Amino acid sequence: MKPVPSIHLPNSTERTMQYRHTMFYLLATLACSQAQAWSRMADARVHAINGQPCFTISKKEEARNGTPLLGALTVYDISSKPAEEAWSFIFSGTTTLPIHAKACFLYGHAPAIAEATAAAKLKEGTMYSVFLNGRPDDPSDSTYGYKGKFCITATANGEQQVVPVTSEMPAWRDEICPAPASAP
């Protein structure tokens, strides 16, 4: 004859602990979602210098927040799923670097004091995303980073062209490079 398995019924202390753990996780989840609602992602500015993308903040952001302090920068190829890192750099420890709207970080050229990955060749017809991991010096400001997107296209003579994609453009949400403007 097989033994009958015993059924374990939690006592009142175990039920109370289960209830407390459930409430703790519920409150922690709510607290995290509220913290995210208070944080802000600002737009990064992407433009070209000699056919290469260059990354910074806008004059509007600098006027709003002053000079943010950058801790890292990452560029992703978001045309592939999952997204693949194309290039990045990071400062070690607590080192940061001020970001001014009039200066920019050229793709593949990390500051001398940063640790960087090798820059992948940028591909035509590909959308990229850049994240500048930095925040204003003011701890009360909720900005926690700057994000931008851009595409690489070819000009009529075959040169590489950087096409900034702003957050107001449908291409930002679709993550598909916009069609080139047709000549009249």
Protein backbone atom coordinates (compact mmCIF):
# COMPACT_ATOMS: atom_id res chain seq x y z
CA MET A 1 0.00 0.00 0.00
CA LYS A 2 1.34 3.42 -1.00
CA PRO A 3 1.67 6.10 1.65
CA VAL A 4 -0.77 8.96 1.31
CA PRO A 5 1.04 12.25 0.73
CA SER A 6 0.53 14.71 3.51
CA ILE A 7 -0.99 18.06 2.77
CA HIS A 8 0.75 21.06 4.23
CA LEU A 9 -1.53 23.89 5.25
CA PRO A 10 0.24 27.12 6.12
CA ASN A 11 -0.18 28.31 9.65
CA SER A 12 -1.18 31.88 10.40
CA THR A 13 2.45 33.06 10.65
CA GLU A 14 3.26 31.69 7.17
CA ARG A 15 0.11 33.28 5.72
CA THR A 16 1.04 36.61 7.28
CA MET A 17 4.57 36.42 5.83
CA GLN A 18 3.21 35.51 2.37
CA TYR A 19 0.84 38.48 2.58
CA ARG A 20 3.66 40.83 3.64
CA HIS A 21 5.91 39.63 0.79
CA THR A 22 3.10 40.09 -1.72
CA MET A 23 2.39 43.59 -0.43
CA PHE A 24 6.12 44.46 -0.46
CA TYR A 25 6.49 43.41 -4.13
CA LEU A 26 3.31 45.24 -5.08
CA LEU A 27 4.44 48.45 -3.36
CA ALA A 28 7.96 48.15 -4.80
CA THR A 29 6.52 47.77 -8.30
CA LEU A 30 4.31 50.82 -7.82
CA ALA A 31 7.21 52.84 -6.44
CA CYS A 32 9.39 51.93 -9.43
CA SER A 33 6.70 52.86 -11.91
CA GLN A 34 6.25 56.22 -10.16
CA ALA A 35 10.01 56.85 -10.24
CA GLN A 36 10.03 56.21 -13.98
CA ALA A 37 7.16 58.63 -14.47
CA TRP A 38 9.20 61.38 -12.84
CA SER A 39 12.36 60.84 -14.88
CA ARG A 40 12.95 62.47 -18.24
CA MET A 41 14.75 61.44 -21.41
CA ALA A 42 15.87 64.47 -23.41
CA ASP A 43 16.66 64.66 -27.12
CA ALA A 44 20.27 64.40 -28.26
CA ARG A 45 21.37 66.38 -31.30
CA VAL A 46 22.85 64.42 -34.21
CA HIS A 47 24.54 66.19 -37.11
CA ALA A 48 27.30 65.44 -39.61
CA ILE A 49 30.91 66.53 -39.81
CA ASN A 50 32.67 65.37 -42.98
CA GLY A 51 30.03 62.67 -43.52
CA GLN A 52 30.39 61.21 -39.99
CA PRO A 53 27.75 61.52 -37.26
CA CYS A 54 28.53 63.77 -34.33
CA PHE A 55 26.57 63.73 -31.05
CA THR A 56 25.76 66.44 -28.53
CA ILE A 57 22.86 68.13 -26.74
CA SER A 58 20.72 70.91 -28.19
CA LYS A 59 21.13 74.59 -27.33
CA LYS A 60 17.60 74.37 -25.87
CA GLU A 61 18.68 71.59 -23.47
CA GLU A 62 21.80 73.48 -22.46
CA ALA A 63 19.70 76.61 -21.76
CA ARG A 64 17.20 74.53 -19.77
CA ASN A 65 19.64 72.43 -17.73
CA GLY A 66 23.04 74.06 -17.93
CA THR A 67 25.99 71.85 -18.82
CA PRO A 68 25.26 68.15 -18.27
CA LEU A 69 27.96 65.73 -17.18
CA LEU A 70 28.51 62.74 -19.50
CA GLY A 71 29.47 59.32 -18.13
CA ALA A 72 29.14 57.22 -21.30
CA LEU A 73 27.93 57.23 -24.90
CA THR A 74 26.55 54.26 -26.88
CA VAL A 75 25.50 53.92 -30.51
CA TYR A 76 23.24 50.99 -31.49
CA ASP A 77 22.21 49.58 -34.85
CA ILE A 78 18.45 49.40 -34.25
CA SER A 79 17.64 48.08 -37.72
CA SER A 80 18.70 44.63 -36.54
CA LYS A 81 16.69 42.83 -33.87
CA PRO A 82 17.90 42.59 -31.21
CA ALA A 83 19.75 45.89 -31.50
CA GLU A 84 23.52 45.58 -31.84
CA GLU A 85 26.07 47.91 -30.33
CA ALA A 86 28.00 49.77 -33.04
CA TRP A 87 30.31 51.82 -30.79
CA SER A 88 30.56 53.04 -27.23
CA PHE A 89 32.78 54.67 -24.70
CA ILE A 90 32.62 55.00 -20.92
CA PHE A 91 34.57 56.88 -18.30
CA SER A 92 35.94 54.85 -15.42
CA GLY A 93 34.85 55.38 -11.84
CA THR A 94 33.14 58.67 -11.14
CA THR A 95 34.83 60.51 -14.01
CA THR A 96 32.45 62.60 -16.13
CA LEU A 97 32.90 65.11 -18.92
CA PRO A 98 30.82 68.26 -19.45
CA ILE A 99 28.70 68.31 -22.64
CA HIS A 100 28.33 71.66 -24.38
CA ALA A 101 25.89 72.21 -27.26
CA LYS A 102 28.64 73.81 -29.36
CA ALA A 103 30.89 70.73 -29.14
CA CYS A 104 30.17 67.15 -30.18
CA PHE A 105 31.51 63.61 -30.00
CA LEU A 106 32.43 62.35 -33.47
CA TYR A 107 31.51 58.73 -34.19
CA GLY A 108 34.47 56.43 -33.50
CA HIS A 109 36.55 59.11 -31.72
CA ALA A 110 36.37 58.68 -27.95
CA PRO A 111 37.91 61.15 -25.50
CA ALA A 112 41.44 60.10 -24.48
CA ILE A 113 40.40 59.40 -20.88
CA ALA A 114 37.56 57.03 -21.89
CA GLU A 115 37.51 53.28 -22.46
CA ALA A 116 36.04 52.63 -25.92
CA THR A 117 34.97 49.75 -28.15
CA ALA A 118 36.00 49.56 -31.79
CA ALA A 119 33.62 51.49 -34.05
CA ALA A 120 31.71 49.32 -36.51
CA LYS A 121 31.44 50.52 -40.11
CA LEU A 122 28.16 52.38 -40.50
CA LYS A 123 25.88 50.76 -43.08
CA GLU A 124 23.78 52.50 -45.69
CA GLY A 125 20.01 52.23 -45.18
CA THR A 126 20.45 51.51 -41.48
CA MET A 127 18.90 53.33 -38.53
CA TYR A 128 21.02 53.96 -35.47
CA SER A 129 20.23 55.17 -31.98
CA VAL A 130 22.61 57.11 -29.74
CA PHE A 131 22.35 57.39 -25.98
CA LEU A 132 24.38 59.96 -24.08
CA ASN A 133 24.37 58.74 -20.51
CA GLY A 134 24.58 61.97 -18.64
CA ARG A 135 22.60 64.24 -16.44
CA PRO A 136 22.57 67.86 -15.38
CA ASP A 137 24.63 68.84 -12.37
CA ASP A 138 21.39 69.86 -10.60
CA PRO A 139 20.18 66.80 -8.61
CA SER A 140 16.60 68.10 -8.67
CA ASP A 141 16.49 67.83 -12.49
CA SER A 142 14.85 64.58 -13.60
CA THR A 143 16.77 64.27 -16.89
CA TYR A 144 18.73 61.02 -16.91
CA GLY A 145 20.01 60.88 -20.47
CA TYR A 146 19.85 62.13 -24.03
CA LYS A 147 18.67 60.00 -26.95
CA GLY A 148 18.90 60.58 -30.67
CA LYS A 149 18.41 58.59 -33.87
CA PHE A 150 19.90 58.85 -37.33
CA CYS A 151 20.14 57.00 -40.62
CA ILE A 152 23.00 56.50 -43.01
CA THR A 153 22.20 57.02 -46.69
CA ALA A 154 24.26 57.56 -49.81
CA THR A 155 24.32 60.77 -51.81
CA ALA A 156 23.91 60.81 -55.60
CA ASN A 157 27.70 60.64 -55.95
CA GLY A 158 27.93 57.68 -53.54
CA GLU A 159 29.22 59.50 -50.46
CA GLN A 160 27.91 58.67 -46.99
CA GLN A 161 25.24 61.00 -45.65
CA VAL A 162 23.97 61.30 -42.07
CA VAL A 163 20.21 61.89 -41.82
CA PRO A 164 19.11 62.98 -38.32
CA VAL A 165 15.75 61.54 -37.23
CA THR A 166 13.96 63.73 -34.70
CA SER A 167 11.41 62.56 -32.16
CA GLU A 168 8.66 64.40 -34.10
CA MET A 169 9.21 62.29 -37.24
CA PRO A 170 7.21 59.08 -37.90
CA ALA A 171 10.54 57.35 -38.61
CA TRP A 172 11.45 57.79 -34.91
CA ARG A 173 8.59 55.51 -33.85
CA ASP A 174 8.76 53.17 -36.87
CA GLU A 175 12.56 52.80 -36.60
CA ILE A 176 12.75 52.71 -40.38
CA CYS A 177 14.89 55.19 -42.32
CA PRO A 178 12.78 57.85 -44.01
CA ALA A 179 12.62 57.81 -47.79
CA PRO A 180 15.07 60.25 -49.37
CA ALA A 181 13.56 63.52 -50.52
CA SER A 182 12.99 63.42 -54.24
CA ALA A 183 14.51 66.14 -56.37
CA PRO A 184 12.06 68.46 -58.19
